[in-house]
């Protein structure tokens, strides 16, 4: 304690603290004041979550289909290119003259 009277900042700080405590204590009251027993029934929320889970599975299936189509679209030209390169290498190996250095 410094022995000085509280400043305006101290009063405003205490006012903000009092309002915050009052509001924190009033939240449960306003949540439960007009609550009905049906408000605490978890079954509708569980049904909504189950429906959302099914929709998530549908979206995942669509994503997998898109991924497979994209992969086919990207891999098909690459596979054709690689096959052409392999064919070219095989032809070069078959057409190359056999020298004694290659048999060692």
PDB file of N, CA and C in Angstrom:
ATOM      1  N   UNK A   1       0.840  -1.181   0.000  1.00  0.00           N
ATOM      2  CA  UNK A   1       0.000   0.000   0.000  1.00  0.00           C
ATOM      3  C   UNK A   1       0.880   1.237   0.000  1.00  0.00           C
ATOM      4  N   UNK A   2       0.509   2.135  -0.813  1.00  0.00           N
ATOM      5  CA  UNK A   2       1.270   3.372  -0.886  1.00  0.00           C
ATOM      6  C   UNK A   2       0.632   4.475  -0.057  1.00  0.00           C
ATOM      7  N   UNK A   3      -0.615   4.286   0.388  1.00  0.00           N
ATOM      8  CA  UNK A   3      -1.285   5.312   1.168  1.00  0.00           C
ATOM      9  C   UNK A   3      -1.945   6.362   0.310  1.00  0.00           C
ATOM     10  N   UNK A   4      -1.886   6.190  -1.008  1.00  0.00           N
ATOM     11  CA  UNK A   4      -2.519   7.156  -1.899  1.00  0.00           C
ATOM     12  C   UNK A   4      -3.939   6.690  -2.224  1.00  0.00           C
ATOM     13  N   UNK A   5      -4.822   7.634  -2.489  1.00  0.00           N
ATOM     14  CA  UNK A   5      -6.180   7.223  -2.868  1.00  0.00           C
ATOM     15  C   UNK A   5      -6.171   6.565  -4.248  1.00  0.00           C
ATOM     16  N   UNK A   6      -7.152   5.705  -4.517  1.00  0.00           N
ATOM     17  CA  UNK A   6      -7.180   5.035  -5.822  1.00  0.00           C
ATOM     18  C   UNK A   6      -7.346   6.042  -6.955  1.00  0.00           C
ATOM     19  N   UNK A   7      -6.643   5.775  -8.022  1.00  0.00           N
ATOM     20  CA  UNK A   7      -6.728   6.664  -9.180  1.00  0.00           C
ATOM     21  C   UNK A   7      -7.923   6.270 -10.039  1.00  0.00           C
ATOM     22  N   UNK A   8      -8.182   7.058 -11.083  1.00  0.00           N
ATOM     23  CA  UNK A   8      -9.278   6.762 -11.991  1.00  0.00           C
ATOM     24  C   UNK A   8      -9.044   5.415 -12.684  1.00  0.00           C
ATOM     25  N   UNK A   9      -7.800   5.105 -13.015  1.00  0.00           N
ATOM     26  CA  UNK A   9      -7.477   3.828 -13.661  1.00  0.00           C
ATOM     27  C   UNK A   9      -7.810   2.657 -12.738  1.00  0.00           C
ATOM     28  N   UNK A  10      -7.544   2.819 -11.429  1.00  0.00           N
ATOM     29  CA  UNK A  10      -7.875   1.761 -10.464  1.00  0.00           C
ATOM     30  C   UNK A  10      -9.382   1.558 -10.390  1.00  0.00           C
ATOM     31  N   UNK A  11     -10.154   2.640 -10.385  1.00  0.00           N
ATOM     32  CA  UNK A  11     -11.614   2.530 -10.331  1.00  0.00           C
ATOM     33  C   UNK A  11     -12.161   1.864 -11.593  1.00  0.00           C
ATOM     34  N   UNK A  12     -11.620   2.240 -12.742  1.00  0.00           N
ATOM     35  CA  UNK A  12     -12.077   1.633 -13.994  1.00  0.00           C
ATOM     36  C   UNK A  12     -11.706   0.149 -14.057  1.00  0.00           C
ATOM     37  N   UNK A  13     -10.556  -0.191 -13.517  1.00  0.00           N
ATOM     38  CA  UNK A  13     -10.141  -1.583 -13.484  1.00  0.00           C
ATOM     39  C   UNK A  13     -11.089  -2.407 -12.614  1.00  0.00           C
ATOM     40  N   UNK A  14     -11.460  -1.884 -11.467  1.00  0.00           N
ATOM     41  CA  UNK A  14     -12.378  -2.597 -10.576  1.00  0.00           C
ATOM     42  C   UNK A  14     -13.771  -2.687 -11.195  1.00  0.00           C
ATOM     43  N   UNK A  15     -14.198  -1.631 -11.911  1.00  0.00           N
ATOM     44  CA  UNK A  15     -15.495  -1.666 -12.571  1.00  0.00           C
ATOM     45  C   UNK A  15     -15.517  -2.742 -13.654  1.00  0.00           C
ATOM     46  N   UNK A  16     -14.463  -2.833 -14.467  1.00  0.00           N
ATOM     47  CA  UNK A  16     -14.383  -3.859 -15.507  1.00  0.00           C
ATOM     48  C   UNK A  16     -14.359  -5.260 -14.900  1.00  0.00           C
ATOM     49  N   UNK A  17     -13.643  -5.426 -13.804  1.00  0.00           N
ATOM     50  CA  UNK A  17     -13.597  -6.720 -13.133  1.00  0.00           C
ATOM     51  C   UNK A  17     -14.967  -7.108 -12.588  1.00  0.00           C
ATOM     52  N   UNK A  18     -15.684  -6.134 -12.008  1.00  0.00           N
ATOM     53  CA  UNK A  18     -17.016  -6.422 -11.464  1.00  0.00           C
ATOM     54  C   UNK A  18     -17.983  -6.802 -12.582  1.00  0.00           C
ATOM     55  N   UNK A  19     -17.932  -6.101 -13.706  1.00  0.00           N
ATOM     56  CA  UNK A  19     -18.814  -6.424 -14.836  1.00  0.00           C
ATOM     57  C   UNK A  19     -18.474  -7.812 -15.371  1.00  0.00           C
ATOM     58  N   UNK A  20     -17.204  -8.145 -15.489  1.00  0.00           N
ATOM     59  CA  UNK A  20     -16.799  -9.450 -16.006  1.00  0.00           C
ATOM     60  C   UNK A  20     -17.268 -10.576 -15.088  1.00  0.00           C
ATOM     61  N   UNK A  21     -17.136 -10.396 -13.774  1.00  0.00           N
ATOM     62  CA  UNK A  21     -17.579 -11.418 -12.822  1.00  0.00           C
ATOM     63  C   UNK A  21     -19.092 -11.558 -12.868  1.00  0.00           C
ATOM     64  N   UNK A  22     -19.824 -10.439 -12.938  1.00  0.00           N
ATOM     65  CA  UNK A  22     -21.277 -10.492 -13.018  1.00  0.00           C
ATOM     66  C   UNK A  22     -21.734 -11.232 -14.266  1.00  0.00           C
ATOM     67  N   UNK A  23     -21.121 -10.908 -15.406  1.00  0.00           N
ATOM     68  CA  UNK A  23     -21.506 -11.574 -16.656  1.00  0.00           C
ATOM     69  C   UNK A  23     -21.152 -13.052 -16.626  1.00  0.00           C
ATOM     70  N   UNK A  24     -20.013 -13.413 -16.076  1.00  0.00           N
ATOM     71  CA  UNK A  24     -19.629 -14.819 -16.008  1.00  0.00           C
ATOM     72  C   UNK A  24     -20.591 -15.607 -15.129  1.00  0.00           C
ATOM     73  N   UNK A  25     -21.068 -14.981 -14.053  1.00  0.00           N
ATOM     74  CA  UNK A  25     -22.015 -15.671 -13.174  1.00  0.00           C
ATOM     75  C   UNK A  25     -23.420 -15.696 -13.757  1.00  0.00           C
ATOM     76  N   UNK A  26     -23.764 -14.769 -14.631  1.00  0.00           N
ATOM     77  CA  UNK A  26     -25.116 -14.734 -15.182  1.00  0.00           C
ATOM     78  C   UNK A  26     -25.295 -15.656 -16.384  1.00  0.00           C
ATOM     79  N   UNK A  27     -24.203 -16.121 -16.981  1.00  0.00           N
ATOM     80  CA  UNK A  27     -24.324 -16.997 -18.147  1.00  0.00           C
ATOM     81  C   UNK A  27     -25.085 -18.273 -17.811  1.00  0.00           C
ATOM     82  N   UNK A  28     -24.738 -19.008 -16.757  1.00  0.00           N
ATOM     83  CA  UNK A  28     -25.528 -20.212 -16.461  1.00  0.00           C
ATOM     84  C   UNK A  28     -26.999 -19.895 -16.192  1.00  0.00           C
ATOM     85  N   UNK A  29     -27.282 -18.777 -15.545  1.00  0.00           N
ATOM     86  CA  UNK A  29     -28.672 -18.424 -15.264  1.00  0.00           C
ATOM     87  C   UNK A  29     -29.443 -18.231 -16.562  1.00  0.00           C
ATOM     88  N   UNK A  30     -28.892 -17.467 -17.502  1.00  0.00           N
ATOM     89  CA  UNK A  30     -29.617 -17.206 -18.741  1.00  0.00           C
ATOM     90  C   UNK A  30     -29.693 -18.436 -19.640  1.00  0.00           C
ATOM     91  N   UNK A  31     -28.752 -19.341 -19.505  1.00  0.00           N
ATOM     92  CA  UNK A  31     -28.832 -20.583 -20.268  1.00  0.00           C
ATOM     93  C   UNK A  31     -29.913 -21.511 -19.730  1.00  0.00           C
ATOM     94  N   UNK A  32     -30.096 -21.500 -18.413  1.00  0.00           N
ATOM     95  CA  UNK A  32     -31.023 -22.442 -17.798  1.00  0.00           C
ATOM     96  C   UNK A  32     -32.363 -21.822 -17.414  1.00  0.00           C
ATOM     97  N   UNK A  33     -32.538 -20.523 -17.570  1.00  0.00           N
ATOM     98  CA  UNK A  33     -33.748 -19.857 -17.089  1.00  0.00           C
ATOM     99  C   UNK A  33     -35.001 -20.385 -17.774  1.00  0.00           C
ATOM    100  N   UNK A  34     -34.988 -20.497 -19.085  1.00  0.00           N
ATOM    101  CA  UNK A  34     -36.177 -20.976 -19.782  1.00  0.00           C
ATOM    102  C   UNK A  34     -35.914 -22.314 -20.455  1.00  0.00           C
ATOM    103  N   UNK A  35     -35.014 -23.100 -19.900  1.00  0.00           N
ATOM    104  CA  UNK A  35     -34.653 -24.377 -20.500  1.00  0.00           C
ATOM    105  C   UNK A  35     -35.769 -25.391 -20.307  1.00  0.00           C
ATOM    106  N   UNK A  36     -35.974 -26.181 -21.345  1.00  0.00           N
ATOM    107  CA  UNK A  36     -36.948 -27.265 -21.303  1.00  0.00           C
ATOM    108  C   UNK A  36     -36.178 -28.573 -21.234  1.00  0.00           C
ATOM    109  N   UNK A  37     -36.825 -29.619 -20.787  1.00  0.00           N
ATOM    110  CA  UNK A  37     -36.152 -30.905 -20.685  1.00  0.00           C
ATOM    111  C   UNK A  37     -35.706 -31.395 -22.067  1.00  0.00           C
ATOM    112  N   UNK A  38     -36.456 -31.049 -23.104  1.00  0.00           N
ATOM    113  CA  UNK A  38     -36.084 -31.460 -24.469  1.00  0.00           C
ATOM    114  C   UNK A  38     -34.797 -30.781 -24.933  1.00  0.00           C
ATOM    115  N   UNK A  39     -34.434 -29.659 -24.323  1.00  0.00           N
ATOM    116  CA  UNK A  39     -33.191 -28.983 -24.697  1.00  0.00           C
ATOM    117  C   UNK A  39     -31.965 -29.802 -24.328  1.00  0.00           C
ATOM    118  N   UNK A  40     -32.117 -30.721 -23.384  1.00  0.00           N
ATOM    119  CA  UNK A  40     -30.985 -31.521 -22.918  1.00  0.00           C
ATOM    120  C   UNK A  40     -30.973 -32.917 -23.531  1.00  0.00           C
ATOM    121  N   UNK A  41     -31.848 -33.158 -24.517  1.00  0.00           N
ATOM    122  CA  UNK A  41     -31.914 -34.458 -25.180  1.00  0.00           C
ATOM    123  C   UNK A  41     -30.815 -34.529 -26.239  1.00  0.00           C
ATOM    124  N   UNK A  42     -29.858 -35.455 -26.127  1.00  0.00           N
ATOM    125  CA  UNK A  42     -28.743 -35.485 -27.077  1.00  0.00           C
ATOM    126  C   UNK A  42     -29.070 -36.172 -28.403  1.00  0.00           C
ATOM    127  N   UNK A  43     -30.239 -36.812 -28.518  1.00  0.00           N
ATOM    128  CA  UNK A  43     -30.516 -37.597 -29.717  1.00  0.00           C
ATOM    129  C   UNK A  43     -30.546 -36.779 -31.005  1.00  0.00           C
ATOM    130  N   UNK A  44     -31.158 -35.582 -31.046  1.00  0.00           N
ATOM    131  CA  UNK A  44     -31.112 -34.828 -32.306  1.00  0.00           C
ATOM    132  C   UNK A  44     -29.693 -34.453 -32.732  1.00  0.00           C
ATOM    133  N   UNK A  45     -28.882 -34.105 -31.770  1.00  0.00           N
ATOM    134  CA  UNK A  45     -27.493 -33.765 -32.105  1.00  0.00           C
ATOM    135  C   UNK A  45     -26.739 -34.985 -32.609  1.00  0.00           C
ATOM    136  N   UNK A  46     -27.017 -36.132 -32.012  1.00  0.00           N
ATOM    137  CA  UNK A  46     -26.366 -37.363 -32.463  1.00  0.00           C
ATOM    138  C   UNK A  46     -26.812 -37.701 -33.884  1.00  0.00           C
ATOM    139  N   UNK A  47     -28.105 -37.504 -34.188  1.00  0.00           N
ATOM    140  CA  UNK A  47     -28.601 -37.762 -35.542  1.00  0.00           C
ATOM    141  C   UNK A  47     -27.940 -36.815 -36.548  1.00  0.00           C
ATOM    142  N   UNK A  48     -27.800 -35.552 -36.177  1.00  0.00           N
ATOM    143  CA  UNK A  48     -27.149 -34.601 -37.078  1.00  0.00           C
ATOM    144  C   UNK A  48     -25.693 -34.985 -37.324  1.00  0.00           C
ATOM    145  N   UNK A  49     -25.004 -35.416 -36.269  1.00  0.00           N
ATOM    146  CA  UNK A  49     -23.609 -35.818 -36.424  1.00  0.00           C
ATOM    147  C   UNK A  49     -23.498 -37.070 -37.286  1.00  0.00           C
ATOM    148  N   UNK A  50     -24.423 -38.008 -37.129  1.00  0.00           N
ATOM    149  CA  UNK A  50     -24.390 -39.229 -37.947  1.00  0.00           C
ATOM    150  C   UNK A  50     -24.630 -38.878 -39.408  1.00  0.00           C
ATOM    151  N   UNK A  51     -25.573 -37.972 -39.662  1.00  0.00           N
ATOM    152  CA  UNK A  51     -25.828 -37.550 -41.040  1.00  0.00           C
ATOM    153  C   UNK A  51     -24.602 -36.851 -41.618  1.00  0.00           C
ATOM    154  N   UNK A  52     -23.960 -36.043 -40.800  1.00  0.00           N
ATOM    155  CA  UNK A  52     -22.745 -35.362 -41.262  1.00  0.00           C
ATOM    156  C   UNK A  52     -21.640 -36.368 -41.538  1.00  0.00           C
ATOM    157  N   UNK A  53     -21.568 -37.433 -40.734  1.00  0.00           N
ATOM    158  CA  UNK A  53     -20.561 -38.475 -40.962  1.00  0.00           C
ATOM    159  C   UNK A  53     -20.790 -39.191 -42.275  1.00  0.00           C
ATOM    160  N   UNK A  54     -22.063 -39.465 -42.592  1.00  0.00           N
ATOM    161  CA  UNK A  54     -22.363 -40.101 -43.873  1.00  0.00           C
ATOM    162  C   UNK A  54     -21.993 -39.174 -45.023  1.00  0.00           C
ATOM    163  N   UNK A  55     -22.294 -37.895 -44.873  1.00  0.00           N
ATOM    164  CA  UNK A  55     -21.957 -36.942 -45.930  1.00  0.00           C
ATOM    165  C   UNK A  55     -20.451 -36.810 -46.082  1.00  0.00           C
ATOM    166  N   UNK A  56     -19.734 -36.889 -44.978  1.00  0.00           N
ATOM    167  CA  UNK A  56     -18.275 -36.845 -45.036  1.00  0.00           C
ATOM    168  C   UNK A  56     -17.742 -38.043 -45.810  1.00  0.00           C
ATOM    169  N   UNK A  57     -18.348 -39.219 -45.600  1.00  0.00           N
ATOM    170  CA  UNK A  57     -17.924 -40.403 -46.342  1.00  0.00           C
ATOM    171  C   UNK A  57     -18.193 -40.224 -47.836  1.00  0.00           C
ATOM    172  N   UNK A  58     -19.327 -39.610 -48.168  1.00  0.00           N
ATOM    173  CA  UNK A  58     -19.640 -39.363 -49.578  1.00  0.00           C
ATOM    174  C   UNK A  58     -18.610 -38.413 -50.181  1.00  0.00           C
ATOM    175  N   UNK A  59     -18.286 -37.347 -49.454  1.00  0.00           N
ATOM    176  CA  UNK A  59     -17.289 -36.392 -49.952  1.00  0.00           C
ATOM    177  C   UNK A  59     -15.923 -37.066 -50.105  1.00  0.00           C
ATOM    178  N   UNK A  60     -15.572 -37.932 -49.156  1.00  0.00           N
ATOM    179  CA  UNK A  60     -14.288 -38.634 -49.256  1.00  0.00           C
ATOM    180  C   UNK A  60     -14.269 -39.531 -50.489  1.00  0.00           C
ATOM    181  N   UNK A  61     -15.390 -40.191 -50.771  1.00  0.00           N
ATOM    182  CA  UNK A  61     -15.464 -41.008 -51.978  1.00  0.00           C
ATOM    183  C   UNK A  61     -15.300 -40.181 -53.233  1.00  0.00           C
ATOM    184  N   UNK A  62     -15.918 -39.012 -53.259  1.00  0.00           N
ATOM    185  CA  UNK A  62     -15.770 -38.133 -54.424  1.00  0.00           C
ATOM    186  C   UNK A  62     -14.317 -37.682 -54.571  1.00  0.00           C
ATOM    187  N   UNK A  63     -13.682 -37.371 -53.441  1.00  0.00           N
ATOM    188  CA  UNK A  63     -12.281 -36.953 -53.494  1.00  0.00           C
ATOM    189  C   UNK A  63     -11.388 -38.082 -54.007  1.00  0.00           C
ATOM    190  N   UNK A  64     -11.662 -39.318 -53.567  1.00  0.00           N
ATOM    191  CA  UNK A  64     -10.866 -40.448 -54.044  1.00  0.00           C
ATOM    192  C   UNK A  64     -11.074 -40.676 -55.537  1.00  0.00           C
ATOM    193  N   UNK A  65     -12.320 -40.534 -55.993  1.00  0.00           N
ATOM    194  CA  UNK A  65     -12.581 -40.671 -57.425  1.00  0.00           C
ATOM    195  C   UNK A  65     -11.842 -39.604 -58.224  1.00  0.00           C
ATOM    196  N   UNK A  66     -11.857 -38.380 -57.723  1.00  0.00           N
ATOM    197  CA  UNK A  66     -11.152 -37.293 -58.408  1.00  0.00           C
ATOM    198  C   UNK A  66      -9.649 -37.572 -58.428  1.00  0.00           C
ATOM    199  N   UNK A  67      -9.118 -38.054 -57.310  1.00  0.00           N
ATOM    200  CA  UNK A  67      -7.692 -38.356 -57.236  1.00  0.00           C
ATOM    201  C   UNK A  67      -7.325 -39.460 -58.225  1.00  0.00           C
ATOM    202  N   UNK A  68      -8.151 -40.505 -58.298  1.00  0.00           N
ATOM    203  CA  UNK A  68      -7.868 -41.600 -59.226  1.00  0.00           C
ATOM    204  C   UNK A  68      -7.907 -41.110 -60.671  1.00  0.00           C
ATOM    205  N   UNK A  69      -8.902 -40.296 -60.999  1.00  0.00           N
ATOM    206  CA  UNK A  69      -8.990 -39.773 -62.365  1.00  0.00           C
ATOM    207  C   UNK A  69      -7.806 -38.867 -62.674  1.00  0.00           C
ATOM    208  N   UNK A  70      -7.414 -38.034 -61.727  1.00  0.00           N
ATOM    209  CA  UNK A  70      -6.274 -37.147 -61.944  1.00  0.00           C
ATOM    210  C   UNK A  70      -4.986 -37.952 -62.094  1.00  0.00           C
ATOM    211  N   UNK A  71      -4.840 -38.986 -61.287  1.00  0.00           N
ATOM    212  CA  UNK A  71      -3.635 -39.805 -61.368  1.00  0.00           C
ATOM    213  C   UNK A  71      -3.570 -40.506 -62.721  1.00  0.00           C
ATOM    214  N   UNK A  72      -4.708 -41.041 -63.170  1.00  0.00           N
ATOM    215  CA  UNK A  72      -4.719 -41.673 -64.490  1.00  0.00           C
ATOM    216  C   UNK A  72      -4.373 -40.659 -65.573  1.00  0.00           C
ATOM    217  N   UNK A  73      -4.908 -39.466 -65.438  1.00  0.00           N
ATOM    218  CA  UNK A  73      -4.657 -38.418 -66.430  1.00  0.00           C
ATOM    219  C   UNK A  73      -3.177 -38.035 -66.481  1.00  0.00           C
ATOM    220  N   UNK A  74      -2.525 -38.036 -65.327  1.00  0.00           N
ATOM    221  CA  UNK A  74      -1.114 -37.657 -65.275  1.00  0.00           C
ATOM    222  C   UNK A  74      -0.203 -38.833 -65.589  1.00  0.00           C
ATOM    223  N   UNK A  75      -0.581 -40.035 -65.179  1.00  0.00           N
ATOM    224  CA  UNK A  75       0.316 -41.186 -65.310  1.00  0.00           C
ATOM    225  C   UNK A  75       0.303 -41.746 -66.727  1.00  0.00           C
ATOM    226  N   UNK A  76      -0.831 -41.692 -67.412  1.00  0.00           N
ATOM    227  CA  UNK A  76      -0.934 -42.286 -68.745  1.00  0.00           C
ATOM    228  C   UNK A  76       0.098 -41.698 -69.716  1.00  0.00           C
ATOM    229  N   UNK A  77       0.234 -40.364 -69.843  1.00  0.00           N
ATOM    230  CA  UNK A  77       1.279 -39.843 -70.743  1.00  0.00           C
ATOM    231  C   UNK A  77       2.690 -40.178 -70.266  1.00  0.00           C
ATOM    232  N   UNK A  78       2.896 -40.181 -68.956  1.00  0.00           N
ATOM    233  CA  UNK A  78       4.217 -40.503 -68.427  1.00  0.00           C
ATOM    234  C   UNK A  78       4.563 -41.954 -68.731  1.00  0.00           C
ATOM    235  N   UNK A  79       3.599 -42.849 -68.581  1.00  0.00           N
ATOM    236  CA  UNK A  79       3.852 -44.259 -68.872  1.00  0.00           C
ATOM    237  C   UNK A  79       4.142 -44.448 -70.359  1.00  0.00           C
ATOM    238  N   UNK A  80       3.420 -43.737 -71.219  1.00  0.00           N
ATOM    239  CA  UNK A  80       3.681 -43.840 -72.653  1.00  0.00           C
ATOM    240  C   UNK A  80       5.083 -43.338 -72.979  1.00  0.00           C
ATOM    241  N   UNK A  81       5.500 -42.262 -72.364  1.00  0.00           N
ATOM    242  CA  UNK A  81       6.837 -41.720 -72.586  1.00  0.00           C
ATOM    243  C   UNK A  81       7.903 -42.713 -72.115  1.00  0.00           C
ATOM    244  N   UNK A  82       7.698 -43.267 -70.922  1.00  0.00           N
ATOM    245  CA  UNK A  82       8.668 -44.223 -70.388  1.00  0.00           C
ATOM    246  C   UNK A  82       8.741 -45.467 -71.262  1.00  0.00           C
ATOM    247  N   UNK A  83       7.585 -45.929 -71.753  1.00  0.00           N
ATOM    248  CA  UNK A  83       7.587 -47.107 -72.632  1.00  0.00           C
ATOM    249  C   UNK A  83       8.348 -46.805 -73.923  1.00  0.00           C
ATOM    250  N   UNK A  84       8.170 -45.614 -74.454  1.00  0.00           N
ATOM    251  CA  UNK A  84       8.901 -45.243 -75.664  1.00  0.00           C
ATOM    252  C   UNK A  84      10.402 -45.193 -75.393  1.00  0.00           C
ATOM    253  N   UNK A  85      10.792 -44.672 -74.241  1.00  0.00           N
ATOM    254  CA  UNK A  85      12.218 -44.613 -73.892  1.00  0.00           C
ATOM    255  C   UNK A  85      12.795 -46.015 -73.736  1.00  0.00           C
ATOM    256  N   UNK A  86      12.047 -46.911 -73.100  1.00  0.00           N
ATOM    257  CA  UNK A  86      12.529 -48.279 -72.922  1.00  0.00           C
ATOM    258  C   UNK A  86      12.668 -48.953 -74.279  1.00  0.00           C
ATOM    259  N   UNK A  87      11.664 -48.774 -75.160  1.00  0.00           N
ATOM    260  CA  UNK A  87      11.747 -49.360 -76.490  1.00  0.00           C
ATOM    261  C   UNK A  87      12.977 -48.840 -77.238  1.00  0.00           C
ATOM    262  N   UNK A  88      13.200 -47.561 -77.106  1.00  0.00           N
ATOM    263  CA  UNK A  88      14.353 -46.957 -77.773  1.00  0.00           C
ATOM    264  C   UNK A  88      15.661 -47.526 -77.232  1.00  0.00           C
ATOM    265  N   UNK A  89      15.737 -47.687 -75.907  1.00  0.00           N
ATOM    266  CA  UNK A  89      16.951 -48.246 -75.306  1.00  0.00           C
ATOM    267  C   UNK A  89      17.159 -49.692 -75.744  1.00  0.00           C
ATOM    268  N   UNK A  90      16.087 -50.459 -75.791  1.00  0.00           N
ATOM    269  CA  UNK A  90      16.212 -51.852 -76.213  1.00  0.00           C
ATOM    270  C   UNK A  90      16.683 -51.919 -77.663  1.00  0.00           C
ATOM    271  N   UNK A  91      16.110 -51.083 -78.502  1.00  0.00           N
ATOM    272  CA  UNK A  91      16.538 -51.074 -79.898  1.00  0.00           C
ATOM    273  C   UNK A  91      17.995 -50.662 -80.037  1.00  0.00           C
ATOM    274  N   UNK A  92      18.431 -49.699 -79.255  1.00  0.00           N
ATOM    275  CA  UNK A  92      19.829 -49.285 -79.305  1.00  0.00           C
ATOM    276  C   UNK A  92      20.748 -50.401 -78.842  1.00  0.00           C
ATOM    277  N   UNK A  93      20.324 -51.149 -77.802  1.00  0.00           N
ATOM    278  CA  UNK A  93      21.152 -52.250 -77.321  1.00  0.00           C
ATOM    279  C   UNK A  93      21.211 -53.381 -78.343  1.00  0.00           C
ATOM    280  N   UNK A  94      20.083 -53.657 -78.989  1.00  0.00           N
ATOM    281  CA  UNK A  94      20.073 -54.738 -79.975  1.00  0.00           C
ATOM    282  C   UNK A  94      20.820 -54.358 -81.254  1.00  0.00           C
ATOM    283  N   UNK A  95      20.789 -53.105 -81.599  1.00  0.00           N
ATOM    284  CA  UNK A  95      21.422 -52.668 -82.837  1.00  0.00           C
ATOM    285  C   UNK A  95      22.877 -52.298 -82.650  1.00  0.00           C
ATOM    286  N   UNK A  96      23.333 -52.201 -81.423  1.00  0.00           N
ATOM    287  CA  UNK A  96      24.716 -51.786 -81.171  1.00  0.00           C
ATOM    288  C   UNK A  96      25.661 -52.903 -81.599  1.00  0.00           C
ATOM    289  N   UNK A  97      26.796 -52.511 -82.143  1.00  0.00           N
ATOM    290  CA  UNK A  97      27.769 -53.540 -82.516  1.00  0.00           C
ATOM    291  C   UNK A  97      28.364 -54.175 -81.259  1.00  0.00           C
ATOM    292  N   UNK A  98      28.499 -55.488 -81.305  1.00  0.00           N
ATOM    293  CA  UNK A  98      29.066 -56.178 -80.149  1.00  0.00           C
ATOM    294  C   UNK A  98      30.581 -56.150 -80.243  1.00  0.00           C
ATOM    295  N   UNK A  99      31.170 -55.520 -79.303  1.00  0.00           N
ATOM    296  CA  UNK A  99      32.636 -55.428 -79.290  1.00  0.00           C
ATOM    297  C   UNK A  99      33.147 -56.249 -78.132  1.00  0.00           C
ATOM    298  N   UNK A 100      34.371 -56.645 -78.178  1.00  0.00           N
ATOM    299  CA  UNK A 100      34.920 -57.435 -77.059  1.00  0.00           C
ATOM    300  C   UNK A 100      34.899 -56.679 -75.725  1.00  0.00           C
ATOM    301  N   UNK A 101      34.959 -55.355 -75.790  1.00  0.00           N
ATOM    302  CA  UNK A 101      34.946 -54.589 -74.541  1.00  0.00           C
ATOM    303  C   UNK A 101      33.588 -54.721 -73.827  1.00  0.00           C
ATOM    304  N   UNK A 102      32.535 -54.922 -74.599  1.00  0.00           N
ATOM    305  CA  UNK A 102      31.207 -55.010 -73.985  1.00  0.00           C
ATOM    306  C   UNK A 102      30.982 -56.367 -73.323  1.00  0.00           C
ATOM    307  N   UNK A 103      31.720 -57.390 -73.690  1.00  0.00           N
ATOM    308  CA  UNK A 103      31.491 -58.711 -73.135  1.00  0.00           C
ATOM    309  C   UNK A 103      32.251 -58.955 -71.850  1.00  0.00           C
ATOM    310  N   UNK A 104      33.137 -58.098 -71.522  1.00  0.00           N
ATOM    311  CA  UNK A 104      33.900 -58.286 -70.288  1.00  0.00           C
ATOM    312  C   UNK A 104      33.104 -57.997 -69.079  1.00  0.00           C
TER     313      UNK A 104
END
